[in-house]
């Protein structure tokens, strides 16, 4: 059991959903950003570019972080490289390669 905004919540049996304790009311998701990207592109039909912005630049902009979420001069160089089937191949944080599949 966990607390979310003062409400007791439980991770669902699938491990992908969060429900209010004692009910079937959906309270959130346990999906990773990569899983969310795949769902946006493969299920919803969002373009890769739009899905990337939805999960990086847009949230950063909303909370006023102008140094992350973008690949441009002056920004922190955080990025992932995916295969053509959207499997994680590389992770770069602050311009440094930190993961290779």
Protein backbone atom coordinates (compact mmCIF):
# COMPACT_ATOMS: atom_id res chain seq x y z
CA UNK A 1 0.00 0.00 0.00
CA UNK A 2 1.20 3.51 -0.84
CA UNK A 3 -0.06 7.03 -0.28
CA UNK A 4 -0.76 9.33 -3.22
CA UNK A 5 -1.97 12.84 -2.38
CA UNK A 6 -3.25 11.56 1.01
CA UNK A 7 -5.17 8.66 -0.61
CA UNK A 8 -4.25 5.03 0.00
CA UNK A 9 -3.41 3.36 -3.33
CA UNK A 10 -2.36 -0.10 -4.48
CA UNK A 11 -0.49 -1.25 -7.56
CA UNK A 12 -2.86 -3.47 -9.58
CA UNK A 13 -2.23 -7.16 -10.18
CA UNK A 14 -0.85 -6.45 -13.66
CA UNK A 15 1.78 -4.14 -12.18
CA UNK A 16 0.76 -1.47 -14.67
CA UNK A 17 -2.05 0.34 -12.88
CA UNK A 18 -2.52 2.13 -9.58
CA UNK A 19 -5.97 1.95 -7.97
CA UNK A 20 -7.52 3.58 -4.92
CA UNK A 21 -7.33 1.08 -2.07
CA UNK A 22 -10.53 -0.90 -1.60
CA UNK A 23 -11.94 0.00 -5.01
CA UNK A 24 -11.51 -0.44 -8.75
CA UNK A 25 -11.02 3.31 -9.24
CA UNK A 26 -7.99 4.02 -11.41
CA UNK A 27 -5.58 6.44 -9.72
CA UNK A 28 -2.61 6.29 -12.09
CA UNK A 29 -0.17 4.18 -14.03
CA UNK A 30 3.08 2.33 -13.40
CA UNK A 31 4.04 2.35 -17.08
CA UNK A 32 7.60 3.43 -17.84
CA UNK A 33 8.20 6.38 -20.16
CA UNK A 34 9.50 3.97 -22.80
CA UNK A 35 6.35 1.84 -22.53
CA UNK A 36 4.27 5.02 -22.73
CA UNK A 37 6.21 6.10 -25.85
CA UNK A 38 5.54 2.73 -27.51
CA UNK A 39 1.85 2.91 -26.63
CA UNK A 40 1.52 6.45 -27.98
CA UNK A 41 3.13 5.48 -31.29
CA UNK A 42 1.89 1.91 -31.77
CA UNK A 43 -1.58 2.06 -30.24
CA UNK A 44 -2.68 5.70 -30.38
CA UNK A 45 -0.92 6.53 -33.66
CA UNK A 46 1.00 9.58 -32.45
CA UNK A 47 4.08 10.42 -34.51
CA UNK A 48 7.49 9.59 -33.02
CA UNK A 49 8.35 13.29 -32.89
CA UNK A 50 5.13 14.21 -31.10
CA UNK A 51 5.43 11.29 -28.65
CA UNK A 52 9.02 12.36 -27.87
CA UNK A 53 7.90 15.92 -27.20
CA UNK A 54 4.99 14.72 -25.03
CA UNK A 55 7.42 12.84 -22.79
CA UNK A 56 10.33 15.29 -22.69
CA UNK A 57 10.11 18.89 -23.89
CA UNK A 58 6.46 19.48 -22.99
CA UNK A 59 6.68 18.37 -19.32
CA UNK A 60 10.00 20.22 -18.91
CA UNK A 61 8.47 23.40 -20.33
CA UNK A 62 5.36 23.10 -18.13
CA UNK A 63 7.45 23.02 -14.96
CA UNK A 64 9.80 25.75 -16.18
CA UNK A 65 12.90 23.63 -16.85
CA UNK A 66 14.40 25.11 -20.00
CA UNK A 67 17.72 23.23 -19.78
CA UNK A 68 16.27 19.71 -20.19
CA UNK A 69 13.89 18.06 -22.63
CA UNK A 70 15.59 19.47 -25.73
CA UNK A 71 18.54 18.53 -27.91
CA UNK A 72 20.06 21.93 -28.55
CA UNK A 73 23.12 23.98 -27.67
CA UNK A 74 23.16 25.01 -24.03
CA UNK A 75 20.88 22.22 -22.84
CA UNK A 76 21.88 19.18 -20.84
CA UNK A 77 22.45 16.40 -23.37
CA UNK A 78 20.13 13.66 -22.12
CA UNK A 79 18.84 11.24 -24.75
CA UNK A 80 17.97 7.67 -25.51
CA UNK A 81 18.54 5.81 -28.76
CA UNK A 82 15.95 3.24 -29.77
CA UNK A 83 15.97 0.47 -32.35
CA UNK A 84 13.45 0.53 -35.20
CA UNK A 85 11.20 -1.61 -32.96
CA UNK A 86 11.55 0.88 -30.07
CA UNK A 87 13.87 -1.19 -27.93
CA UNK A 88 16.33 0.78 -25.82
CA UNK A 89 19.83 0.70 -27.32
CA UNK A 90 21.70 3.55 -25.62
CA UNK A 91 21.18 6.08 -22.84
CA UNK A 92 23.10 9.36 -22.73
CA UNK A 93 22.97 11.57 -19.63
CA UNK A 94 24.68 14.93 -19.59
CA UNK A 95 26.40 14.06 -22.86
CA UNK A 96 27.93 10.84 -21.45
CA UNK A 97 27.02 7.34 -22.60
CA UNK A 98 25.76 5.55 -19.46
CA UNK A 99 23.99 2.49 -20.88
CA UNK A 100 24.44 0.21 -23.88
CA UNK A 101 22.05 -2.68 -24.52
